[in-house]
Amino acid sequence: MPFVAMWLSSVIARDQAAGFLRSDCTVADVYLLVGALSSVIRKGGDRARFLDLLRDQLST
């Protein structure tokens, strides 16, 4: 597993254990969401709104 994925996995596990992050969130989900944010930014979308929605959906 690449270094970034290992680090991200540990961050996800820590936040899940602390009750800050949904229990079903994975490294693959984070990569997917970063790609979606990139698309929002490239297309001139409302990135603040996207991040607000994202935060609400990922938190417990």
Protein backbone atom coordinates (compact mmCIF):
# COMPACT_ATOMS: atom_id res chain seq x y z
CA MET A 1 0.00 0.00 0.00
CA PRO A 2 1.45 3.41 -0.94
CA PHE A 3 2.53 5.71 1.89
CA VAL A 4 -0.31 8.21 1.35
CA ALA A 5 -2.92 5.45 1.48
CA MET A 6 -1.40 4.02 4.67
CA TRP A 7 -1.35 7.45 6.29
CA LEU A 8 -4.90 8.20 5.17
CA SER A 9 -6.05 4.83 6.48
CA SER A 10 -4.63 5.65 9.91
CA VAL A 11 -6.30 9.08 9.92
CA ILE A 12 -9.63 7.51 8.97
CA ALA A 13 -9.30 4.85 11.67
CA ARG A 14 -8.41 7.45 14.30
CA ASP A 15 -11.36 9.68 13.39
CA GLN A 16 -13.76 6.73 13.27
CA ALA A 17 -12.58 5.56 16.71
CA ALA A 18 -13.12 9.07 18.07
CA GLY A 19 -16.64 9.13 16.65
CA PHE A 20 -15.97 11.98 14.22
CA LEU A 21 -16.24 10.02 10.98
CA ARG A 22 -18.77 7.54 9.63
CA SER A 23 -17.78 3.96 10.29
CA ASP A 24 -18.13 2.97 6.63
CA CYS A 25 -15.75 5.60 5.19
CA THR A 26 -12.75 4.13 3.34
CA VAL A 27 -9.56 5.36 1.68
CA ALA A 28 -11.25 4.77 -1.69
CA ASP A 29 -14.11 7.04 -0.61
CA VAL A 30 -11.69 9.83 0.25
CA TYR A 31 -9.95 9.51 -3.13
CA LEU A 32 -13.35 9.66 -4.84
CA LEU A 33 -14.35 12.76 -2.88
CA VAL A 34 -11.07 14.54 -3.64
CA GLY A 35 -11.72 13.87 -7.33
CA ALA A 36 -15.24 15.25 -7.01
CA LEU A 37 -13.95 18.38 -5.27
CA SER A 38 -11.40 18.84 -8.06
CA SER A 39 -14.22 18.72 -10.60
CA VAL A 40 -16.27 21.28 -8.63
CA ILE A 41 -13.28 23.62 -8.54
CA ARG A 42 -12.45 23.18 -12.26
CA LYS A 43 -16.03 23.91 -13.27
CA GLY A 44 -16.26 27.01 -11.09
CA GLY A 45 -18.78 25.45 -8.73
CA ASP A 46 -19.47 26.47 -5.17
CA ARG A 47 -16.68 24.62 -3.37
CA ALA A 48 -17.73 25.95 0.05
CA ARG A 49 -21.20 24.47 -0.46
CA PHE A 50 -19.69 21.19 -1.65
CA LEU A 51 -17.44 20.99 1.41
CA ASP A 52 -20.35 21.82 3.75
CA LEU A 53 -22.42 19.01 2.24
CA LEU A 54 -19.45 16.67 2.36
CA ARG A 55 -18.74 17.41 6.02
CA ASP A 56 -22.39 16.85 6.94
CA GLN A 57 -22.48 13.49 5.15
CA LEU A 58 -19.19 12.15 6.54
CA SER A 59 -19.66 13.11 10.16
CA THR A 60 -21.45 10.88 12.62
